[in-house]
């Protein structure tokens, strides 16, 4: 179904030590990225608000409860995933959120989806990009934009 634009949402969560919440996915796109999800529920086809989706998904998949979130990068960015996402879409509009406050400790809550969930340094993110599989939406588009805008 590689066709039209799909809406998704992602979050950049930085802890007090300056590390970022990252997930190593088992499902497409396989590899390291930041927490993210589609806005349309696959089974019901209901479209949810991006803020609601990212709060729910981060809690369910990482054990972290997002308390205060805000939009970043003017609300989002278009990204193109050449191989498509697991639902078959190549082009996504990714709504983006930052986090002012949260509670909890990261852990793998969905072992069917993630191999690892942890806080990592920016240097570790750069190493992942060189040496491991990474989510192209984050590493090719979003992270460079955030860095250019001094948002990392």
Protein backbone atom coordinates (compact mmCIF):
# COMPACT_ATOMS: atom_id res chain seq x y z
CA UNK A 1 0.00 0.00 0.00
CA UNK A 2 2.84 2.44 -0.66
CA UNK A 3 0.67 5.46 -1.42
CA UNK A 4 -0.52 8.63 0.28
CA UNK A 5 0.64 10.47 3.38
CA UNK A 6 0.27 8.82 6.77
CA UNK A 7 0.18 10.87 9.97
CA UNK A 8 2.37 9.86 12.86
CA UNK A 9 3.66 11.36 16.09
CA UNK A 10 7.01 11.25 17.82
CA UNK A 11 8.55 12.56 21.01
CA UNK A 12 11.95 13.87 22.05
CA UNK A 13 12.36 13.27 25.78
CA UNK A 14 15.56 14.55 27.40
CA UNK A 15 16.30 13.63 31.01
CA UNK A 16 18.06 15.92 33.56
CA UNK A 17 21.41 14.29 32.67
CA UNK A 18 21.00 15.38 29.03
CA UNK A 19 20.25 11.89 27.69
CA UNK A 20 17.46 11.07 25.24
CA UNK A 21 14.81 8.36 25.48
CA UNK A 22 15.49 5.93 22.64
CA UNK A 23 13.98 2.63 21.56
CA UNK A 24 15.53 -0.19 19.56
CA UNK A 25 12.68 -1.55 17.45
CA UNK A 26 12.15 -5.13 16.36
CA UNK A 27 9.45 -4.11 13.85
CA UNK A 28 9.81 -1.96 10.74
CA UNK A 29 11.54 0.43 10.81
CA UNK A 30 13.95 -1.90 12.62
CA UNK A 31 16.67 -0.31 14.73
CA UNK A 32 17.18 2.71 16.94
CA UNK A 33 14.80 5.64 16.98
CA UNK A 34 12.69 7.69 19.35
CA UNK A 35 9.21 6.73 20.55
CA UNK A 36 6.66 7.20 17.78
CA UNK A 37 3.29 5.92 16.57
CA UNK A 38 0.69 6.24 13.84
CA UNK A 39 -2.32 8.46 14.57
CA UNK A 40 -4.91 6.15 13.01
CA UNK A 41 -5.68 3.06 15.06
CA UNK A 42 -5.06 0.08 12.81
CA UNK A 43 -8.06 -2.00 13.91
CA UNK A 44 -10.75 0.66 14.35
CA UNK A 45 -9.46 3.25 11.81
CA UNK A 46 -10.14 5.95 14.42
CA UNK A 47 -7.82 8.96 14.18
CA UNK A 48 -6.58 10.20 17.56
CA UNK A 49 -5.06 13.54 18.60
CA UNK A 50 -1.24 13.40 18.38
CA UNK A 51 -0.76 14.42 22.03
CA UNK A 52 -3.10 11.68 23.24
CA UNK A 53 -1.38 9.07 21.08
CA UNK A 54 2.16 9.88 22.18
CA UNK A 55 1.20 9.94 25.87
CA UNK A 56 -0.49 6.54 25.58
CA UNK A 57 2.20 4.90 23.46
CA UNK A 58 5.13 6.14 25.54
CA UNK A 59 3.43 4.88 28.71
CA UNK A 60 2.44 1.52 27.26
CA UNK A 61 5.75 0.86 25.51
CA UNK A 62 8.39 2.45 27.76
CA UNK A 63 6.85 2.72 31.25
CA UNK A 64 7.31 6.50 31.25
CA UNK A 65 4.35 8.79 31.98
CA UNK A 66 4.49 12.07 30.08
CA UNK A 67 3.16 14.87 32.26
CA UNK A 68 3.82 18.12 30.37
CA UNK A 69 4.40 17.98 26.60
CA UNK A 70 4.59 20.68 23.93
CA UNK A 71 4.87 20.83 20.13
CA UNK A 72 8.27 21.38 18.53
CA UNK A 73 9.42 22.27 15.01
CA UNK A 74 6.22 24.16 14.21
CA UNK A 75 4.25 21.05 15.05
CA UNK A 76 5.97 18.55 12.77
CA UNK A 77 7.78 17.57 9.62
CA UNK A 78 7.30 15.59 6.41
CA UNK A 79 9.56 12.52 6.24
CA UNK A 80 10.03 9.97 3.47
CA UNK A 81 10.86 6.37 4.36
CA UNK A 82 12.07 4.78 1.11
CA UNK A 83 11.16 1.22 2.12
CA UNK A 84 7.92 2.36 3.71
CA UNK A 85 6.78 1.86 7.28
CA UNK A 86 5.28 -1.39 8.56
CA UNK A 87 1.88 -0.22 7.27
CA UNK A 88 3.33 0.39 3.80
CA UNK A 89 3.40 4.20 3.71
CA UNK A 90 6.49 5.97 2.37
CA UNK A 91 5.52 9.55 3.24
CA UNK A 92 4.63 10.61 6.77
CA UNK A 93 3.68 13.87 8.38
CA UNK A 94 5.25 13.43 11.80
CA UNK A 95 3.83 15.59 14.59
CA UNK A 96 6.64 16.26 17.06
CA UNK A 97 6.55 16.84 20.80
CA UNK A 98 9.07 17.78 23.44
CA UNK A 99 8.67 16.96 27.13
CA UNK A 100 8.87 19.41 30.04
CA UNK A 101 8.13 16.84 32.74
CA UNK A 102 7.68 13.09 33.06
CA UNK A 103 7.87 10.33 35.63
CA UNK A 104 9.09 6.78 35.54
CA UNK A 105 12.10 4.75 34.50
CA UNK A 106 12.42 3.44 30.93
CA UNK A 107 11.93 -0.28 30.43
CA UNK A 108 10.82 -2.63 27.68
CA UNK A 109 7.07 -2.96 28.18
CA UNK A 110 6.36 -4.52 24.77
CA UNK A 111 9.00 -7.14 24.03
CA UNK A 112 7.16 -7.94 20.79
CA UNK A 113 8.00 -4.41 19.56
CA UNK A 114 11.24 -3.38 21.27
CA UNK A 115 14.57 -4.98 22.04
CA UNK A 116 15.74 -2.08 24.23
CA UNK A 117 14.32 1.10 25.78
CA UNK A 118 16.77 3.41 27.52
CA UNK A 119 18.18 6.89 27.91
CA UNK A 120 21.22 7.47 25.66
CA UNK A 121 23.62 10.35 25.07
CA UNK A 122 23.80 12.32 21.83
CA UNK A 123 27.19 10.68 21.25
CA UNK A 124 25.56 7.24 21.53
CA UNK A 125 22.94 8.31 18.97
CA UNK A 126 25.77 9.24 16.60
CA UNK A 127 27.41 5.86 17.19
CA UNK A 128 24.12 4.07 16.49
CA UNK A 129 23.87 5.91 13.19
CA UNK A 130 27.37 4.76 12.18
CA UNK A 131 27.27 1.19 13.48
CA UNK A 132 23.68 -0.02 13.83
CA UNK A 133 20.34 0.06 12.05
CA UNK A 134 18.43 3.26 12.67
CA UNK A 135 14.99 4.64 11.85
CA UNK A 136 15.50 6.87 8.78
CA UNK A 137 12.65 9.19 9.76
CA UNK A 138 14.57 10.17 12.89
CA UNK A 139 18.18 9.93 11.75
CA UNK A 140 17.86 11.25 8.19
CA UNK A 141 15.27 13.99 8.77
CA UNK A 142 14.14 14.84 12.29
CA UNK A 143 17.37 14.75 14.33
CA UNK A 144 19.36 16.84 11.81
CA UNK A 145 16.53 19.41 11.74
CA UNK A 146 16.39 19.53 15.54
CA UNK A 147 20.16 19.94 15.74
CA UNK A 148 20.12 22.72 13.12
CA UNK A 149 17.44 24.56 15.13
CA UNK A 150 19.38 24.05 18.41
CA UNK A 151 16.55 21.98 19.83
CA UNK A 152 18.71 19.02 20.86
